[in-house]
């Protein structure tokens, strides 16, 4: 039997686990994929990840493919449009945070800074060995707390220590695949 950390039995979830979770996005000048993944982690806060995965295409449509420049230009009409979109999570605070985060990312780029570098600066040392139980994984760490503080200082919103840690896991800044997981470290 194939062992996964999570997602077994749901093809969408299995594909996400096997091919994306823990894999850094390809670097691009606009950091679009990184912005998307950080945004979706914020929307996931308080919800199950599978809920977000099932709504991902609607999120992409609603947020202009997560083009940071396009999202940074969103105004009140866009917020209202998104609040009326049953395909996404309709939470005003999360929608407004995503727009604010696009503006913060744009400001970083204007200063010659990269979001990927901020994450990299808070990468923890690798664990000596992979853990064997999901309930042994932390919800946050000193590094994710520092990352959240750094992101908030740069104007990002809805990025507390737990959301920051989930993003670190999803983006491969920490390897939290369990010891018996089918995924091979360093794919």
C-alpha atoms as a PDB file:
ATOM      1  CA  UNK A   1       0.000   0.000   0.000  1.00  0.00           C
ATOM      2  CA  UNK A   2       1.241   3.485  -0.889  1.00  0.00           C
ATOM      3  CA  UNK A   3       1.625   5.778   2.114  1.00  0.00           C
ATOM      4  CA  UNK A   4       1.116   9.515   1.800  1.00  0.00           C
ATOM      5  CA  UNK A   5       1.293  12.110   4.542  1.00  0.00           C
ATOM      6  CA  UNK A   6      -2.205  13.204   3.509  1.00  0.00           C
ATOM      7  CA  UNK A   7      -4.614  13.088   0.604  1.00  0.00           C
ATOM      8  CA  UNK A   8      -4.869   9.364  -0.096  1.00  0.00           C
ATOM      9  CA  UNK A   9      -8.172   8.529  -1.755  1.00  0.00           C
ATOM     10  CA  UNK A  10      -8.844  11.888  -3.412  1.00  0.00           C
ATOM     11  CA  UNK A  11      -7.132  12.240  -6.824  1.00  0.00           C
ATOM     12  CA  UNK A  12      -6.875  16.038  -6.576  1.00  0.00           C
ATOM     13  CA  UNK A  13      -5.371  15.841  -3.101  1.00  0.00           C
ATOM     14  CA  UNK A  14      -3.029  12.967  -4.075  1.00  0.00           C
ATOM     15  CA  UNK A  15      -1.726  14.912  -7.075  1.00  0.00           C
ATOM     16  CA  UNK A  16      -1.155  18.008  -4.934  1.00  0.00           C
ATOM     17  CA  UNK A  17       0.685  15.953  -2.295  1.00  0.00           C
ATOM     18  CA  UNK A  18       2.784  14.014  -4.796  1.00  0.00           C
ATOM     19  CA  UNK A  19       3.757  16.800  -7.185  1.00  0.00           C
ATOM     20  CA  UNK A  20       3.421  20.187  -5.506  1.00  0.00           C
ATOM     21  CA  UNK A  21       3.483  20.162  -1.693  1.00  0.00           C
ATOM     22  CA  UNK A  22       7.037  20.787  -0.594  1.00  0.00           C
ATOM     23  CA  UNK A  23       8.188  21.783  -4.083  1.00  0.00           C
ATOM     24  CA  UNK A  24       9.493  25.332  -4.531  1.00  0.00           C
ATOM     25  CA  UNK A  25       7.875  27.285  -7.361  1.00  0.00           C
ATOM     26  CA  UNK A  26       9.941  28.093 -10.417  1.00  0.00           C
ATOM     27  CA  UNK A  27      11.509  31.538  -9.980  1.00  0.00           C
ATOM     28  CA  UNK A  28       9.951  34.192 -12.216  1.00  0.00           C
ATOM     29  CA  UNK A  29      10.378  37.964 -12.315  1.00  0.00           C
ATOM     30  CA  UNK A  30       6.860  38.594 -10.982  1.00  0.00           C
ATOM     31  CA  UNK A  31       6.939  35.707  -8.442  1.00  0.00           C
ATOM     32  CA  UNK A  32       3.378  34.904  -9.518  1.00  0.00           C
ATOM     33  CA  UNK A  33       3.344  31.252  -8.409  1.00  0.00           C
ATOM     34  CA  UNK A  34       4.873  32.138  -5.059  1.00  0.00           C
ATOM     35  CA  UNK A  35       2.269  34.884  -4.617  1.00  0.00           C
ATOM     36  CA  UNK A  36      -0.519  32.453  -5.518  1.00  0.00           C
ATOM     37  CA  UNK A  37       0.617  29.842  -3.057  1.00  0.00           C
ATOM     38  CA  UNK A  38       1.059  32.338  -0.204  1.00  0.00           C
ATOM     39  CA  UNK A  39      -2.373  33.795  -1.009  1.00  0.00           C
ATOM     40  CA  UNK A  40      -4.052  30.396  -0.981  1.00  0.00           C
ATOM     41  CA  UNK A  41      -2.426  29.547   2.352  1.00  0.00           C
ATOM     42  CA  UNK A  42      -4.012  32.692   3.800  1.00  0.00           C
ATOM     43  CA  UNK A  43      -7.409  31.706   2.400  1.00  0.00           C
ATOM     44  CA  UNK A  44      -6.979  28.233   3.906  1.00  0.00           C
ATOM     45  CA  UNK A  45      -6.657  29.627   7.427  1.00  0.00           C
ATOM     46  CA  UNK A  46      -9.439  28.021   9.460  1.00  0.00           C
ATOM     47  CA  UNK A  47     -10.496  25.724   6.599  1.00  0.00           C
ATOM     48  CA  UNK A  48      -9.346  22.417   5.164  1.00  0.00           C
ATOM     49  CA  UNK A  49      -6.757  22.507   2.397  1.00  0.00           C
ATOM     50  CA  UNK A  50      -8.891  20.311   0.135  1.00  0.00           C
ATOM     51  CA  UNK A  51     -11.549  23.050   0.186  1.00  0.00           C
ATOM     52  CA  UNK A  52      -8.999  25.485  -1.214  1.00  0.00           C
ATOM     53  CA  UNK A  53      -7.711  22.996  -3.799  1.00  0.00           C
ATOM     54  CA  UNK A  54     -11.238  22.422  -5.077  1.00  0.00           C
ATOM     55  CA  UNK A  55     -11.718  26.182  -5.460  1.00  0.00           C
ATOM     56  CA  UNK A  56      -8.266  26.885  -6.885  1.00  0.00           C
ATOM     57  CA  UNK A  57      -9.326  27.451 -10.490  1.00  0.00           C
ATOM     58  CA  UNK A  58     -12.046  29.867  -9.351  1.00  0.00           C
ATOM     59  CA  UNK A  59      -9.452  31.700  -7.251  1.00  0.00           C
ATOM     60  CA  UNK A  60      -7.192  31.944 -10.291  1.00  0.00           C
ATOM     61  CA  UNK A  61     -10.033  33.333 -12.399  1.00  0.00           C
ATOM     62  CA  UNK A  62     -11.113  35.805  -9.714  1.00  0.00           C
ATOM     63  CA  UNK A  63      -7.599  37.008  -8.932  1.00  0.00           C
ATOM     64  CA  UNK A  64      -6.359  37.480 -12.519  1.00  0.00           C
ATOM     65  CA  UNK A  65      -4.212  34.355 -12.473  1.00  0.00           C
ATOM     66  CA  UNK A  66      -2.547  35.747  -9.336  1.00  0.00           C
ATOM     67  CA  UNK A  67      -0.662  38.272 -11.440  1.00  0.00           C
ATOM     68  CA  UNK A  68       0.655  40.485  -8.613  1.00  0.00           C
ATOM     69  CA  UNK A  69       0.507  43.673 -10.723  1.00  0.00           C
ATOM     70  CA  UNK A  70      -3.096  43.041 -11.735  1.00  0.00           C
ATOM     71  CA  UNK A  71      -4.188  42.176  -8.185  1.00  0.00           C
ATOM     72  CA  UNK A  72      -2.346  45.210  -6.792  1.00  0.00           C
ATOM     73  CA  UNK A  73      -4.558  47.389  -8.985  1.00  0.00           C
ATOM     74  CA  UNK A  74      -7.813  45.892  -7.662  1.00  0.00           C
ATOM     75  CA  UNK A  75     -10.206  48.381  -6.082  1.00  0.00           C
ATOM     76  CA  UNK A  76     -13.499  48.399  -4.229  1.00  0.00           C
ATOM     77  CA  UNK A  77     -15.451  47.087  -7.221  1.00  0.00           C
ATOM     78  CA  UNK A  78     -13.126  44.082  -7.407  1.00  0.00           C
ATOM     79  CA  UNK A  79     -13.594  43.388  -3.702  1.00  0.00           C
ATOM     80  CA  UNK A  80     -17.371  43.413  -4.197  1.00  0.00           C
ATOM     81  CA  UNK A  81     -17.048  41.209  -7.300  1.00  0.00           C
ATOM     82  CA  UNK A  82     -14.993  38.685  -5.334  1.00  0.00           C
ATOM     83  CA  UNK A  83     -17.395  38.764  -2.387  1.00  0.00           C
ATOM     84  CA  UNK A  84     -20.165  37.772  -4.819  1.00  0.00           C
ATOM     85  CA  UNK A  85     -18.135  34.909  -6.342  1.00  0.00           C
ATOM     86  CA  UNK A  86     -19.482  31.637  -4.888  1.00  0.00           C
ATOM     87  CA  UNK A  87     -16.525  29.789  -6.437  1.00  0.00           C
ATOM     88  CA  UNK A  88     -14.048  31.166  -3.903  1.00  0.00           C
ATOM     89  CA  UNK A  89     -13.909  31.661  -0.143  1.00  0.00           C
ATOM     90  CA  UNK A  90     -15.854  34.879   0.303  1.00  0.00           C
ATOM     91  CA  UNK A  91     -14.111  36.416   3.273  1.00  0.00           C
ATOM     92  CA  UNK A  92     -13.620  40.183   3.054  1.00  0.00           C
ATOM     93  CA  UNK A  93     -10.562  40.227   5.320  1.00  0.00           C
ATOM     94  CA  UNK A  94      -8.821  37.531   3.250  1.00  0.00           C
ATOM     95  CA  UNK A  95      -9.742  39.168  -0.059  1.00  0.00           C
ATOM     96  CA  UNK A  96      -8.501  42.569   1.107  1.00  0.00           C
ATOM     97  CA  UNK A  97      -5.354  40.967   2.532  1.00  0.00           C
ATOM     98  CA  UNK A  98      -4.596  39.344  -0.838  1.00  0.00           C
ATOM     99  CA  UNK A  99      -4.862  42.728  -2.560  1.00  0.00           C
ATOM    100  CA  UNK A 100      -2.712  44.366   0.131  1.00  0.00           C
ATOM    101  CA  UNK A 101      -0.177  41.551  -0.220  1.00  0.00           C
ATOM    102  CA  UNK A 102       0.023  42.119  -3.978  1.00  0.00           C
ATOM    103  CA  UNK A 103       0.735  45.785  -3.283  1.00  0.00           C
ATOM    104  CA  UNK A 104       3.371  44.835  -0.702  1.00  0.00           C
ATOM    105  CA  UNK A 105       4.983  42.472  -3.205  1.00  0.00           C
ATOM    106  CA  UNK A 106       4.970  45.198  -5.865  1.00  0.00           C
ATOM    107  CA  UNK A 107       6.671  47.579  -3.396  1.00  0.00           C
ATOM    108  CA  UNK A 108       9.289  44.914  -2.643  1.00  0.00           C
ATOM    109  CA  UNK A 109      10.002  44.447  -6.340  1.00  0.00           C
ATOM    110  CA  UNK A 110      10.296  48.210  -6.791  1.00  0.00           C
ATOM    111  CA  UNK A 111      12.993  48.156  -4.074  1.00  0.00           C
ATOM    112  CA  UNK A 112      14.762  45.273  -5.816  1.00  0.00           C
ATOM    113  CA  UNK A 113      13.677  42.757  -3.166  1.00  0.00           C
ATOM    114  CA  UNK A 114      12.323  39.250  -3.749  1.00  0.00           C
ATOM    115  CA  UNK A 115       9.706  37.414  -1.702  1.00  0.00           C
ATOM    116  CA  UNK A 116      11.587  34.164  -2.256  1.00  0.00           C
ATOM    117  CA  UNK A 117      14.637  35.723  -0.570  1.00  0.00           C
ATOM    118  CA  UNK A 118      12.527  36.624   2.481  1.00  0.00           C
ATOM    119  CA  UNK A 119      11.376  33.017   2.779  1.00  0.00           C
ATOM    120  CA  UNK A 120      14.916  31.748   2.238  1.00  0.00           C
ATOM    121  CA  UNK A 121      16.217  34.007   5.015  1.00  0.00           C
ATOM    122  CA  UNK A 122      13.911  32.192   7.444  1.00  0.00           C
ATOM    123  CA  UNK A 123      14.592  28.627   6.278  1.00  0.00           C
ATOM    124  CA  UNK A 124      15.262  26.445   9.335  1.00  0.00           C
ATOM    125  CA  UNK A 125      18.047  23.913   9.493  1.00  0.00           C
ATOM    126  CA  UNK A 126      16.899  20.538   8.145  1.00  0.00           C
ATOM    127  CA  UNK A 127      15.656  17.997  10.670  1.00  0.00           C
ATOM    128  CA  UNK A 128      18.040  15.162  11.423  1.00  0.00           C
ATOM    129  CA  UNK A 129      15.283  12.754  10.365  1.00  0.00           C
ATOM    130  CA  UNK A 130      11.771  12.893   9.017  1.00  0.00           C
ATOM    131  CA  UNK A 131       8.992  12.524  11.559  1.00  0.00           C
ATOM    132  CA  UNK A 132       6.659   9.534  11.605  1.00  0.00           C
ATOM    133  CA  UNK A 133       3.339  11.139  12.635  1.00  0.00           C
ATOM    134  CA  UNK A 134       1.430  14.185  11.388  1.00  0.00           C
ATOM    135  CA  UNK A 135       0.507  15.124  14.948  1.00  0.00           C
ATOM    136  CA  UNK A 136       4.234  15.426  15.706  1.00  0.00           C
ATOM    137  CA  UNK A 137       4.615  18.259  13.198  1.00  0.00           C
ATOM    138  CA  UNK A 138       4.594  21.746  14.707  1.00  0.00           C
ATOM    139  CA  UNK A 139       1.907  24.288  13.840  1.00  0.00           C
ATOM    140  CA  UNK A 140       4.520  27.037  13.956  1.00  0.00           C
ATOM    141  CA  UNK A 141       8.203  27.429  14.708  1.00  0.00           C
ATOM    142  CA  UNK A 142      10.506  30.261  15.761  1.00  0.00           C
ATOM    143  CA  UNK A 143      11.432  30.618  12.076  1.00  0.00           C
ATOM    144  CA  UNK A 144       7.799  30.887  10.947  1.00  0.00           C
ATOM    145  CA  UNK A 145       7.144  33.414  13.712  1.00  0.00           C
ATOM    146  CA  UNK A 146      10.091  35.491  12.494  1.00  0.00           C
ATOM    147  CA  UNK A 147       8.936  35.098   8.871  1.00  0.00           C
ATOM    148  CA  UNK A 148       5.423  36.280   9.753  1.00  0.00           C
ATOM    149  CA  UNK A 149       6.838  39.295  11.558  1.00  0.00           C
ATOM    150  CA  UNK A 150       9.117  40.104   8.611  1.00  0.00           C
ATOM    151  CA  UNK A 151       6.246  39.811   6.122  1.00  0.00           C
ATOM    152  CA  UNK A 152       3.969  42.023   8.244  1.00  0.00           C
ATOM    153  CA  UNK A 153       6.776  44.591   8.485  1.00  0.00           C
ATOM    154  CA  UNK A 154       6.811  44.645   4.687  1.00  0.00           C
ATOM    155  CA  UNK A 155       3.046  45.276   4.523  1.00  0.00           C
ATOM    156  CA  UNK A 156       1.729  41.724   4.171  1.00  0.00           C
ATOM    157  CA  UNK A 157      -1.472  40.778   5.981  1.00  0.00           C
ATOM    158  CA  UNK A 158      -3.070  37.516   7.101  1.00  0.00           C
ATOM    159  CA  UNK A 159       0.345  35.911   7.561  1.00  0.00           C
ATOM    160  CA  UNK A 160       0.580  34.774  11.168  1.00  0.00           C
ATOM    161  CA  UNK A 161       3.109  32.184  12.361  1.00  0.00           C
ATOM    162  CA  UNK A 162       0.858  29.202  11.562  1.00  0.00           C
ATOM    163  CA  UNK A 163       0.030  30.411   8.048  1.00  0.00           C
ATOM    164  CA  UNK A 164       3.711  31.240   7.510  1.00  0.00           C
ATOM    165  CA  UNK A 165       4.683  27.716   8.581  1.00  0.00           C
ATOM    166  CA  UNK A 166       2.082  26.151   6.282  1.00  0.00           C
ATOM    167  CA  UNK A 167       3.541  28.211   3.429  1.00  0.00           C
ATOM    168  CA  UNK A 168       7.066  27.108   4.376  1.00  0.00           C
ATOM    169  CA  UNK A 169       5.889  23.476   4.178  1.00  0.00           C
ATOM    170  CA  UNK A 170       4.007  23.948   0.908  1.00  0.00           C
ATOM    171  CA  UNK A 171       6.900  25.810  -0.714  1.00  0.00           C
ATOM    172  CA  UNK A 172       9.603  23.361   0.360  1.00  0.00           C
ATOM    173  CA  UNK A 173      11.384  25.567   2.885  1.00  0.00           C
ATOM    174  CA  UNK A 174      10.852  22.745   5.370  1.00  0.00           C
ATOM    175  CA  UNK A 175      10.464  19.065   4.500  1.00  0.00           C
ATOM    176  CA  UNK A 176       7.564  17.746   6.515  1.00  0.00           C
ATOM    177  CA  UNK A 177       6.851  14.646   4.451  1.00  0.00           C
ATOM    178  CA  UNK A 178       6.619  11.800   6.931  1.00  0.00           C
ATOM    179  CA  UNK A 179       9.263   9.076   7.137  1.00  0.00           C
ATOM    180  CA  UNK A 180       7.169   6.447   5.312  1.00  0.00           C
ATOM    181  CA  UNK A 181       5.818   8.829   2.679  1.00  0.00           C
ATOM    182  CA  UNK A 182       5.841   7.787  -0.969  1.00  0.00           C
ATOM    183  CA  UNK A 183       7.432  11.115  -1.927  1.00  0.00           C
ATOM    184  CA  UNK A 184      11.195  10.994  -2.236  1.00  0.00           C
ATOM    185  CA  UNK A 185      13.035  13.936  -0.697  1.00  0.00           C
ATOM    186  CA  UNK A 186      14.835  16.021  -3.283  1.00  0.00           C
ATOM    187  CA  UNK A 187      12.582  14.818  -6.109  1.00  0.00           C
END
